[in-house]
Protein backbone atom coordinates (compact mmCIF):
# COMPACT_ATOMS: atom_id res chain seq x y z
CA UNK A 1 -27.29 115.14 -96.71
CA UNK A 2 -24.17 115.85 -98.72
CA UNK A 3 -22.63 117.66 -95.74
CA UNK A 4 -23.51 114.72 -93.49
CA UNK A 5 -21.75 112.39 -95.91
CA UNK A 6 -18.64 114.61 -95.92
CA UNK A 7 -18.32 114.26 -92.13
CA UNK A 8 -17.52 110.57 -92.54
CA UNK A 9 -19.52 109.73 -89.44
CA UNK A 10 -21.76 106.65 -89.21
CA UNK A 11 -25.22 107.45 -90.55
CA UNK A 12 -28.56 105.73 -90.73
CA UNK A 13 -31.69 107.00 -92.50
CA UNK A 14 -35.22 106.05 -91.47
CA UNK A 15 -38.14 106.19 -93.87
CA UNK A 16 -41.30 106.85 -91.89
CA UNK A 17 -44.18 106.88 -94.37
CA UNK A 18 -47.25 109.05 -93.78
CA UNK A 19 -50.46 109.07 -95.73
CA UNK A 20 -51.76 106.41 -98.09
CA UNK A 21 -49.26 106.94 -100.93
CA UNK A 22 -46.11 104.81 -100.79
CA UNK A 23 -42.97 106.48 -102.15
CA UNK A 24 -40.59 104.49 -99.98
CA UNK A 25 -38.79 102.76 -102.88
CA UNK A 26 -37.90 106.10 -104.44
CA UNK A 27 -36.74 107.46 -101.10
CA UNK A 28 -34.71 104.34 -100.43
CA UNK A 29 -32.87 104.69 -103.74
CA UNK A 30 -32.18 108.39 -103.12
CA UNK A 31 -31.10 108.06 -99.50
CA UNK A 32 -28.85 105.12 -100.28
CA UNK A 33 -26.47 107.53 -102.01
CA UNK A 34 -25.83 109.42 -98.77
CA UNK A 35 -26.40 107.04 -95.84
CA UNK A 36 -24.67 103.80 -94.94
CA UNK A 37 -27.93 102.12 -93.83
CA UNK A 38 -31.48 102.91 -94.93
CA UNK A 39 -34.42 101.37 -93.08
CA UNK A 40 -38.19 101.56 -93.39
CA UNK A 41 -39.67 102.22 -89.97
CA UNK A 42 -43.26 102.95 -88.96
CA UNK A 43 -42.87 105.10 -85.85
CA UNK A 44 -46.52 104.55 -84.91
CA UNK A 45 -47.05 100.84 -85.57
CA UNK A 46 -43.59 99.26 -85.39
CA UNK A 47 -43.65 96.25 -83.05
CA UNK A 48 -41.20 95.72 -80.22
CA UNK A 49 -38.83 93.49 -82.21
CA UNK A 50 -38.40 96.18 -84.87
CA UNK A 51 -37.40 98.66 -82.18
CA UNK A 52 -34.73 96.26 -80.96
CA UNK A 53 -33.63 95.60 -84.54
CA UNK A 54 -33.17 99.32 -85.07
CA UNK A 55 -30.97 99.62 -81.98
CA UNK A 56 -28.88 96.65 -83.16
CA UNK A 57 -28.51 98.29 -86.57
CA UNK A 58 -27.08 101.40 -84.89
CA UNK A 59 -24.63 99.15 -83.07
CA UNK A 60 -23.31 97.78 -86.37
CA UNK A 61 -22.39 101.25 -87.60
CA UNK A 62 -19.69 101.97 -85.04
CA UNK A 63 -17.69 99.38 -83.01
CA UNK A 64 -17.78 101.55 -79.87
CA UNK A 65 -21.59 101.63 -79.99
CA UNK A 66 -22.12 97.88 -80.24
CA UNK A 67 -21.58 96.92 -76.58
CA UNK A 68 -23.71 99.64 -74.92
CA UNK A 69 -26.54 99.17 -77.43
CA UNK A 70 -26.44 95.39 -76.93
CA UNK A 71 -26.72 96.04 -73.20
CA UNK A 72 -29.69 98.32 -73.87
CA UNK A 73 -31.51 95.73 -76.00
CA UNK A 74 -30.90 93.05 -73.34
CA UNK A 75 -32.33 95.36 -70.69
CA UNK A 76 -35.43 96.11 -72.79
CA UNK A 77 -35.99 92.41 -73.47
CA UNK A 78 -35.71 91.56 -69.76
CA UNK A 79 -38.02 94.43 -68.89
CA UNK A 80 -40.58 93.08 -71.36
CA UNK A 81 -40.53 89.62 -69.75
CA UNK A 82 -40.87 91.14 -66.28
CA UNK A 83 -43.84 93.19 -67.40
CA UNK A 84 -45.52 90.07 -68.74
CA UNK A 85 -45.01 88.38 -65.36
CA UNK A 86 -46.35 91.44 -63.55
CA UNK A 87 -49.33 91.51 -65.90
CA UNK A 88 -50.06 87.85 -65.15
CA UNK A 89 -50.10 88.65 -61.42
CA UNK A 90 -52.44 91.60 -61.98
CA UNK A 91 -54.83 89.46 -64.06
CA UNK A 92 -54.71 86.65 -61.47
CA UNK A 93 -55.62 89.04 -58.65
CA UNK A 94 -58.54 90.45 -60.65
CA UNK A 95 -59.82 86.95 -61.46
CA UNK A 96 -59.74 86.00 -57.79
CA UNK A 97 -61.85 89.05 -56.98
CA UNK A 98 -64.30 88.64 -59.85
CA UNK A 99 -64.91 84.93 -59.31
CA UNK A 100 -65.60 85.28 -55.57
CA UNK A 101 -67.47 88.58 -55.42
CA UNK A 102 -70.81 88.55 -53.65
CA UNK A 103 -73.26 91.42 -53.37
CA UNK A 104 -74.97 91.54 -49.97
CA UNK A 105 -77.81 93.47 -48.36
CA UNK A 106 -79.06 93.23 -44.78
CA UNK A 107 -82.86 93.38 -44.50
CA UNK A 108 -85.07 94.08 -41.52
CA UNK A 109 -88.22 92.02 -41.09
CA UNK A 110 -90.32 94.88 -42.51
CA UNK A 111 -88.03 95.27 -45.54
CA UNK A 112 -88.21 91.53 -46.19
CA UNK A 113 -91.98 91.62 -46.20
CA UNK A 114 -92.22 94.74 -48.36
CA UNK A 115 -89.79 93.73 -51.12
CA UNK A 116 -90.47 90.95 -53.60
CA UNK A 117 -87.72 88.47 -54.39
CA UNK A 118 -87.75 89.53 -58.05
CA UNK A 119 -87.27 93.20 -57.19
CA UNK A 120 -84.53 92.46 -54.68
CA UNK A 121 -82.77 90.12 -57.08
CA UNK A 122 -82.81 92.76 -59.81
CA UNK A 123 -81.39 95.41 -57.47
CA UNK A 124 -78.57 93.18 -56.26
CA UNK A 125 -77.94 91.91 -59.77
CA UNK A 126 -77.42 95.43 -61.11
CA UNK A 127 -75.06 96.26 -58.24
CA UNK A 128 -73.18 93.01 -58.86
CA UNK A 129 -72.84 93.83 -62.57
CA UNK A 130 -71.67 97.35 -61.74
CA UNK A 131 -68.97 96.06 -59.42
CA UNK A 132 -67.75 93.45 -61.95
CA UNK A 133 -67.67 96.06 -64.69
CA UNK A 134 -65.68 98.47 -62.55
CA UNK A 135 -63.27 95.75 -61.43
CA UNK A 136 -62.54 94.77 -65.02
CA UNK A 137 -61.98 98.42 -65.94
CA UNK A 138 -59.53 98.72 -63.04
CA UNK A 139 -57.72 95.69 -64.44
CA UNK A 140 -57.53 97.36 -67.85
CA UNK A 141 -56.10 100.56 -66.38
CA UNK A 142 -53.55 98.69 -64.24
CA UNK A 143 -52.19 96.89 -67.32
CA UNK A 144 -52.10 100.09 -69.36
CA UNK A 145 -50.23 101.98 -66.64
CA UNK A 146 -47.75 99.12 -66.26
CA UNK A 147 -46.80 99.65 -69.92
CA UNK A 148 -46.85 103.45 -69.41
CA UNK A 149 -49.93 104.06 -71.55
CA UNK A 150 -51.51 106.71 -69.37
CA UNK A 151 -54.05 108.31 -71.70
CA UNK A 152 -55.13 105.53 -73.99
CA UNK A 153 -58.58 105.63 -75.59
CA UNK A 154 -60.22 102.22 -75.56
CA UNK A 155 -63.28 100.84 -77.28
CA UNK A 156 -64.58 97.61 -75.79
CA UNK A 157 -67.87 95.91 -75.11
CA UNK A 158 -68.57 96.61 -71.45
CA UNK A 159 -69.78 94.10 -68.92
CA UNK A 160 -73.44 94.67 -69.64
CA UNK A 161 -76.32 92.26 -69.93
CA UNK A 162 -77.75 92.89 -73.41
CA UNK A 163 -74.96 93.36 -75.89
CA UNK A 164 -73.62 91.31 -78.76
CA UNK A 165 -70.14 91.07 -77.26
CA UNK A 166 -70.68 91.79 -73.57
CA UNK A 167 -69.27 89.61 -70.82
CA UNK A 168 -72.47 87.69 -70.21
CA UNK A 169 -73.63 87.28 -73.82
CA UNK A 170 -73.81 84.01 -75.72
CA UNK A 171 -71.44 85.49 -78.29
CA UNK A 172 -68.77 86.17 -75.66
CA UNK A 173 -69.23 82.68 -74.24
CA UNK A 174 -68.61 81.15 -77.67
CA UNK A 175 -65.60 83.40 -78.27
CA UNK A 176 -63.76 83.33 -74.96
CA UNK A 177 -65.03 80.24 -73.12
CA UNK A 178 -63.30 76.91 -73.54
CA UNK A 179 -64.60 73.69 -75.06
CA UNK A 180 -66.41 70.95 -73.18
CA UNK A 181 -63.42 68.68 -73.76
CA UNK A 182 -61.08 71.28 -72.23
CA UNK A 183 -63.39 71.68 -69.22
CA UNK A 184 -63.64 67.93 -68.75
CA UNK A 185 -59.87 67.39 -68.68
CA UNK A 186 -59.21 70.43 -66.50
CA UNK A 187 -62.14 69.58 -64.25
CA UNK A 188 -60.92 66.01 -63.78
CA UNK A 189 -57.52 67.22 -62.58
CA UNK A 190 -59.02 69.82 -60.27
CA UNK A 191 -61.51 67.34 -58.82
CA UNK A 192 -58.87 64.67 -58.39
CA UNK A 193 -56.76 67.00 -56.25
CA UNK A 194 -59.78 67.67 -54.04
CA UNK A 195 -60.59 63.98 -53.79
CA UNK A 196 -57.06 63.21 -52.71
CA UNK A 197 -58.03 64.53 -49.28
CA UNK A 198 -60.16 61.42 -48.79
CA UNK A 199 -57.17 59.22 -49.56
CA UNK A 200 -55.11 61.13 -47.02
CA UNK A 201 -57.77 60.73 -44.33
CA UNK A 202 -57.94 56.97 -44.94
CA UNK A 203 -54.11 56.73 -44.94
CA UNK A 204 -54.20 55.43 -48.50
CA UNK A 205 -56.55 52.52 -47.77
CA UNK A 206 -59.05 53.86 -50.31
CA UNK A 207 -56.47 52.92 -53.00
CA UNK A 208 -56.94 56.23 -54.80
CA UNK A 209 -60.72 55.96 -54.93
CA UNK A 210 -61.11 59.43 -53.42
CA UNK A 211 -59.05 61.08 -56.16
CA UNK A 212 -60.84 59.05 -58.84
CA UNK A 213 -64.31 59.91 -57.59
CA UNK A 214 -63.38 63.55 -57.09
CA UNK A 215 -61.93 63.70 -60.59
CA UNK A 216 -65.01 62.16 -62.17
CA UNK A 217 -67.32 64.54 -60.32
CA UNK A 218 -65.20 67.52 -61.33
CA UNK A 219 -65.06 66.43 -64.96
CA UNK A 220 -68.78 65.68 -65.13
CA UNK A 221 -69.74 69.00 -63.57
CA UNK A 222 -67.44 70.97 -65.84
CA UNK A 223 -68.69 69.13 -68.91
CA UNK A 224 -72.34 69.57 -68.00
CA UNK A 225 -72.04 73.35 -67.64
CA UNK A 226 -69.68 73.79 -70.59
CA UNK A 227 -72.32 74.88 -73.10
CA UNK A 228 -73.94 77.69 -71.13
CA UNK A 229 -72.93 80.64 -68.98
CA UNK A 230 -74.63 80.27 -65.60
CA UNK A 231 -75.21 83.48 -63.65
CA UNK A 232 -75.46 83.96 -59.88
CA UNK A 233 -78.77 83.57 -58.09
CA UNK A 234 -80.43 85.39 -55.21
CA UNK A 235 -80.22 83.76 -51.79
CA UNK A 236 -82.03 85.04 -48.69
CA UNK A 237 -80.76 83.70 -45.39
CA UNK A 238 -82.78 82.73 -42.35
CA UNK A 239 -84.25 85.41 -40.10
CA UNK A 240 -81.98 86.08 -37.10
CA UNK A 241 -82.60 88.77 -34.51
CA UNK A 242 -85.09 90.42 -36.84
CA UNK A 243 -82.57 90.62 -39.72
CA UNK A 244 -82.02 88.68 -42.92
CA UNK A 245 -79.07 88.76 -45.32
CA UNK A 246 -79.78 88.70 -49.03
CA UNK A 247 -76.85 87.74 -51.26
CA UNK A 248 -76.31 87.68 -55.01
CA UNK A 249 -73.25 85.73 -56.15
CA UNK A 250 -70.65 84.52 -56.38
CA UNK A 251 -70.78 83.28 -59.95
CA UNK A 252 -71.14 79.50 -60.09
CA UNK A 253 -69.83 78.90 -63.59
CA UNK A 254 -66.13 78.46 -64.34
CA UNK A 255 -66.76 79.65 -67.89
CA UNK A 256 -67.18 83.14 -66.45
CA UNK A 257 -63.52 83.00 -65.39
CA UNK A 258 -62.39 81.86 -68.82
CA UNK A 259 -64.35 84.65 -70.51
CA UNK A 260 -62.76 87.26 -68.21
CA UNK A 261 -59.33 85.67 -68.69
CA UNK A 262 -59.69 85.70 -72.48
CA UNK A 263 -60.73 89.33 -72.56
CA UNK A 264 -57.90 90.28 -70.18
CA UNK A 265 -55.15 88.48 -72.11
CA UNK A 266 -56.38 89.92 -75.41
CA UNK A 267 -56.25 93.43 -73.91
CA UNK A 268 -52.78 92.77 -72.45
CA UNK A 269 -51.50 91.63 -75.84
CA UNK A 270 -52.72 94.76 -77.62
CA UNK A 271 -51.20 97.00 -74.93
CA UNK A 272 -47.88 95.13 -74.88
CA UNK A 273 -47.61 95.48 -78.67
CA UNK A 274 -48.78 99.06 -78.84
CA UNK A 275 -46.26 101.74 -79.76
CA UNK A 276 -46.25 104.78 -77.49
CA UNK A 277 -46.40 106.99 -80.57
CA UNK A 278 -49.78 105.50 -81.45
CA UNK A 279 -52.81 107.69 -80.86
CA UNK A 280 -55.52 105.71 -82.62
CA UNK A 281 -58.44 104.18 -80.74
CA UNK A 282 -57.71 100.79 -79.19
CA UNK A 283 -60.49 98.56 -80.52
CA UNK A 284 -60.75 95.27 -78.64
CA UNK A 285 -62.65 92.70 -80.66
CA UNK A 286 -63.26 89.05 -79.80
CA UNK A 287 -60.76 86.57 -81.19
CA UNK A 288 -61.79 83.54 -83.23
CA UNK A 289 -59.84 80.74 -81.54
CA UNK A 290 -59.12 79.66 -78.00
CA UNK A 291 -55.36 79.58 -77.39
CA UNK A 292 -55.69 77.91 -73.96
CA UNK A 293 -55.95 74.61 -75.82
CA UNK A 294 -52.14 74.87 -76.18
CA UNK A 295 -51.57 74.77 -72.42
CA UNK A 296 -50.19 71.67 -70.73
CA UNK A 297 -52.46 69.69 -68.42
CA UNK A 298 -50.87 71.02 -65.24
CA UNK A 299 -51.50 74.65 -66.21
CA UNK A 300 -55.10 73.88 -67.20
CA UNK A 301 -55.71 72.21 -63.87
CA UNK A 302 -54.10 75.07 -61.91
CA UNK A 303 -56.48 77.58 -63.52
CA UNK A 304 -59.54 75.36 -63.04
CA UNK A 305 -58.69 74.70 -59.39
CA UNK A 306 -58.56 78.41 -58.62
CA UNK A 307 -61.85 79.06 -60.41
CA UNK A 308 -63.48 76.25 -58.43
CA UNK A 309 -62.11 77.47 -55.10
CA UNK A 310 -62.92 81.13 -55.59
CA UNK A 311 -66.50 80.57 -56.73
CA UNK A 312 -66.89 78.70 -53.43
CA UNK A 313 -65.22 81.70 -51.73
CA UNK A 314 -62.31 79.65 -50.47
CA UNK A 315 -58.98 81.46 -50.06
CA UNK A 316 -55.83 80.50 -51.93
CA UNK A 317 -52.52 79.75 -50.28
CA UNK A 318 -49.29 81.21 -51.66
CA UNK A 319 -48.38 78.03 -53.54
CA UNK A 320 -51.73 77.88 -55.33
CA UNK A 321 -51.56 81.56 -56.18
CA UNK A 322 -48.07 81.25 -57.67
CA UNK A 323 -49.13 78.23 -59.74
CA UNK A 324 -52.15 80.20 -60.93
CA UNK A 325 -50.00 83.18 -61.97
CA UNK A 326 -47.53 80.89 -63.75
CA UNK A 327 -50.38 79.19 -65.63
CA UNK A 328 -51.80 82.55 -66.73
CA UNK A 329 -48.36 83.64 -67.91
CA UNK A 330 -48.09 80.45 -69.96
CA UNK A 331 -51.49 81.29 -71.42
CA UNK A 332 -50.24 84.75 -72.34
CA UNK A 333 -47.22 83.24 -74.09
CA UNK A 334 -49.53 80.84 -75.95
CA UNK A 335 -51.73 83.75 -77.03
CA UNK A 336 -48.66 85.67 -78.22
CA UNK A 337 -47.56 82.65 -80.29
CA UNK A 338 -51.05 82.24 -81.74
CA UNK A 339 -51.17 85.90 -82.75
CA UNK A 340 -47.73 85.64 -84.34
CA UNK A 341 -48.70 82.56 -86.36
CA UNK A 342 -52.02 84.14 -87.26
CA UNK A 343 -50.33 87.09 -88.93
């Protein structure tokens, strides 16, 4: 360190503590005799802003370094925003799939007679669960790879039926679903948009009655189902040409979408904050507050409209999809703010 000081070159010392004992104050006093800047820096847990702060500190040591390092920090900040937008699009695509998925089986007349509805429902239900579980895991991996976490170890309650924190449990519904009041306001907006079609057909002579009725129906339905997570049911179609189609799904409860969305955004946040030097197990636990309450009415309605359309297996147009992605990205920003204020 004495030789480094003799060179007269800009120098910066980093204190990266290991173990439970903290000797950083002693190290800071000792290193301050030899280095122009001394910083504490946890190479494993340092958040993104500390990384940028470290680069800016390097830039202050030498005038020729300031401009290129400022350019580097700007690039990293822009890259971070783009990754959040890309993550929102990935989450939106997964939600479209999960909300609309339907498990089907074609039955002959003999199969229909030899299989009870309960047995068939259980078989299709397990296949439906398996698909939803796999689709959510694909979503997790897509987000992790976007942030270049290729070999992360994750601990999370899977999408199983009997589990304290699984997707379909009462505990998950309480944690990740939204309030009745939220559902009522979002449902009113979504229903009002649908009811506006009646006003268009009557060339406005209904004086907005279509939008009002649609909004009230949407709000009432959302409010009614707000305190329980409704699962899909088995449906067996009519016999045609000796064949019947048995279907399980899609899910009929918008709360399912909010639970999946909450779990996805929480996972995204942990991945976006995770240092690539970290090797500890990623433990995803339910949060204790719903951050979607911070969203504006338009974003709430955009999310609710998509959930309503997809559970009815209706396709989205490009405009609706972009609004949906933008609303999810706003939700991610709200979750980020909530986490920041929480700590």
